């Protein structure tokens, strides 16, 4: 499976000139492989839009986690 993943990674990068981005919550290799195969058929404009939305989801999730940690740290300091 890893060989096939590398193959599709190279094809995707060659076609779109950026790395494959997904915000899937399940990091199952087969699901990611299936998704890259489907999205490979997109035009550049369509895929750029999808990749931008996926990147935004990842950034949003990271900021939510950061905000949660900041709130917890604030509450701990206030209670001490």
C-alpha atoms as a PDB file:
ATOM      1  CA  UNK A   1       0.000   0.000   0.000  1.00  0.00           C
ATOM      2  CA  UNK A   2       2.834   2.428   0.791  1.00  0.00           C
ATOM      3  CA  UNK A   3       4.191   2.025  -2.713  1.00  0.00           C
ATOM      4  CA  UNK A   4       0.791   2.927  -4.166  1.00  0.00           C
ATOM      5  CA  UNK A   5       0.489   5.915  -1.820  1.00  0.00           C
ATOM      6  CA  UNK A   6       3.894   7.196  -2.977  1.00  0.00           C
ATOM      7  CA  UNK A   7       2.886   6.660  -6.593  1.00  0.00           C
ATOM      8  CA  UNK A   8      -0.298   8.735  -6.192  1.00  0.00           C
ATOM      9  CA  UNK A   9       1.529  11.365  -4.162  1.00  0.00           C
ATOM     10  CA  UNK A  10       3.975  11.858  -7.021  1.00  0.00           C
ATOM     11  CA  UNK A  11       1.210  11.924  -9.647  1.00  0.00           C
ATOM     12  CA  UNK A  12      -0.806  14.435  -7.624  1.00  0.00           C
ATOM     13  CA  UNK A  13       2.200  16.724  -7.052  1.00  0.00           C
ATOM     14  CA  UNK A  14       3.170  16.556 -10.708  1.00  0.00           C
ATOM     15  CA  UNK A  15      -0.322  17.482 -11.847  1.00  0.00           C
ATOM     16  CA  UNK A  16      -1.255  20.170  -9.301  1.00  0.00           C
ATOM     17  CA  UNK A  17       2.189  21.388  -8.108  1.00  0.00           C
ATOM     18  CA  UNK A  18       1.207  21.254  -4.435  1.00  0.00           C
ATOM     19  CA  UNK A  19       0.889  18.445  -1.930  1.00  0.00           C
ATOM     20  CA  UNK A  20      -2.331  16.578  -1.281  1.00  0.00           C
ATOM     21  CA  UNK A  21      -4.246  18.058   1.654  1.00  0.00           C
ATOM     22  CA  UNK A  22      -7.078  16.371   3.453  1.00  0.00           C
ATOM     23  CA  UNK A  23      -8.758  17.134   6.744  1.00  0.00           C
ATOM     24  CA  UNK A  24     -10.188  13.660   7.190  1.00  0.00           C
ATOM     25  CA  UNK A  25     -10.672  12.703  10.803  1.00  0.00           C
ATOM     26  CA  UNK A  26      -9.826   9.083  10.107  1.00  0.00           C
ATOM     27  CA  UNK A  27      -6.235   8.616   9.117  1.00  0.00           C
ATOM     28  CA  UNK A  28      -6.870   5.293   7.430  1.00  0.00           C
ATOM     29  CA  UNK A  29      -4.473   4.837   4.542  1.00  0.00           C
ATOM     30  CA  UNK A  30      -7.053   3.248   2.249  1.00  0.00           C
ATOM     31  CA  UNK A  31      -9.525   6.114   2.695  1.00  0.00           C
ATOM     32  CA  UNK A  32      -6.834   8.699   1.981  1.00  0.00           C
ATOM     33  CA  UNK A  33      -5.683   6.741  -1.066  1.00  0.00           C
ATOM     34  CA  UNK A  34      -9.252   6.528  -2.362  1.00  0.00           C
ATOM     35  CA  UNK A  35      -9.715  10.262  -1.847  1.00  0.00           C
ATOM     36  CA  UNK A  36      -6.523  11.219  -3.692  1.00  0.00           C
ATOM     37  CA  UNK A  37      -7.502   8.990  -6.620  1.00  0.00           C
ATOM     38  CA  UNK A  38     -10.903  10.677  -6.906  1.00  0.00           C
ATOM     39  CA  UNK A  39      -9.558  14.190  -6.494  1.00  0.00           C
ATOM     40  CA  UNK A  40      -6.781  13.585  -9.020  1.00  0.00           C
ATOM     41  CA  UNK A  41      -9.462  13.718 -11.718  1.00  0.00           C
ATOM     42  CA  UNK A  42     -10.359  17.318 -10.791  1.00  0.00           C
ATOM     43  CA  UNK A  43      -9.286  20.315 -12.797  1.00  0.00           C
ATOM     44  CA  UNK A  44      -6.637  22.566 -11.282  1.00  0.00           C
ATOM     45  CA  UNK A  45      -9.162  25.240 -10.282  1.00  0.00           C
ATOM     46  CA  UNK A  46     -11.528  22.756  -8.641  1.00  0.00           C
ATOM     47  CA  UNK A  47      -8.705  21.040  -6.767  1.00  0.00           C
ATOM     48  CA  UNK A  48      -7.180  24.316  -5.643  1.00  0.00           C
ATOM     49  CA  UNK A  49     -10.552  25.291  -4.169  1.00  0.00           C
ATOM     50  CA  UNK A  50     -10.910  21.950  -2.383  1.00  0.00           C
ATOM     51  CA  UNK A  51      -7.321  22.064  -1.094  1.00  0.00           C
ATOM     52  CA  UNK A  52      -7.815  25.618   0.191  1.00  0.00           C
ATOM     53  CA  UNK A  53     -10.958  24.591   2.073  1.00  0.00           C
ATOM     54  CA  UNK A  54      -9.188  21.534   3.509  1.00  0.00           C
ATOM     55  CA  UNK A  55      -6.243  23.687   4.611  1.00  0.00           C
ATOM     56  CA  UNK A  56      -8.650  26.149   6.241  1.00  0.00           C
ATOM     57  CA  UNK A  57     -10.275  23.293   8.194  1.00  0.00           C
ATOM     58  CA  UNK A  58      -6.872  22.167   9.460  1.00  0.00           C
ATOM     59  CA  UNK A  59      -5.921  25.706  10.490  1.00  0.00           C
ATOM     60  CA  UNK A  60      -9.293  26.220  12.164  1.00  0.00           C
ATOM     61  CA  UNK A  61      -8.933  22.963  14.094  1.00  0.00           C
ATOM     62  CA  UNK A  62      -5.418  23.927  15.213  1.00  0.00           C
ATOM     63  CA  UNK A  63      -6.619  27.322  16.413  1.00  0.00           C
ATOM     64  CA  UNK A  64      -9.491  25.719  18.327  1.00  0.00           C
ATOM     65  CA  UNK A  65      -7.045  23.413  20.108  1.00  0.00           C
ATOM     66  CA  UNK A  66      -4.744  26.346  20.871  1.00  0.00           C
ATOM     67  CA  UNK A  67      -7.652  28.394  22.228  1.00  0.00           C
ATOM     68  CA  UNK A  68      -8.791  25.479  24.428  1.00  0.00           C
ATOM     69  CA  UNK A  69      -5.284  25.154  25.901  1.00  0.00           C
ATOM     70  CA  UNK A  70      -5.127  28.901  26.541  1.00  0.00           C
ATOM     71  CA  UNK A  71      -8.490  28.795  28.343  1.00  0.00           C
ATOM     72  CA  UNK A  72      -7.392  25.846  30.480  1.00  0.00           C
ATOM     73  CA  UNK A  73      -4.111  27.590  31.374  1.00  0.00           C
ATOM     74  CA  UNK A  74      -6.012  30.777  32.229  1.00  0.00           C
ATOM     75  CA  UNK A  75      -8.428  28.893  34.474  1.00  0.00           C
ATOM     76  CA  UNK A  76      -5.581  27.084  36.252  1.00  0.00           C
ATOM     77  CA  UNK A  77      -3.805  30.379  36.931  1.00  0.00           C
ATOM     78  CA  UNK A  78      -7.038  31.988  38.163  1.00  0.00           C
ATOM     79  CA  UNK A  79      -7.722  29.098  40.554  1.00  0.00           C
ATOM     80  CA  UNK A  80      -4.237  29.142  42.050  1.00  0.00           C
END
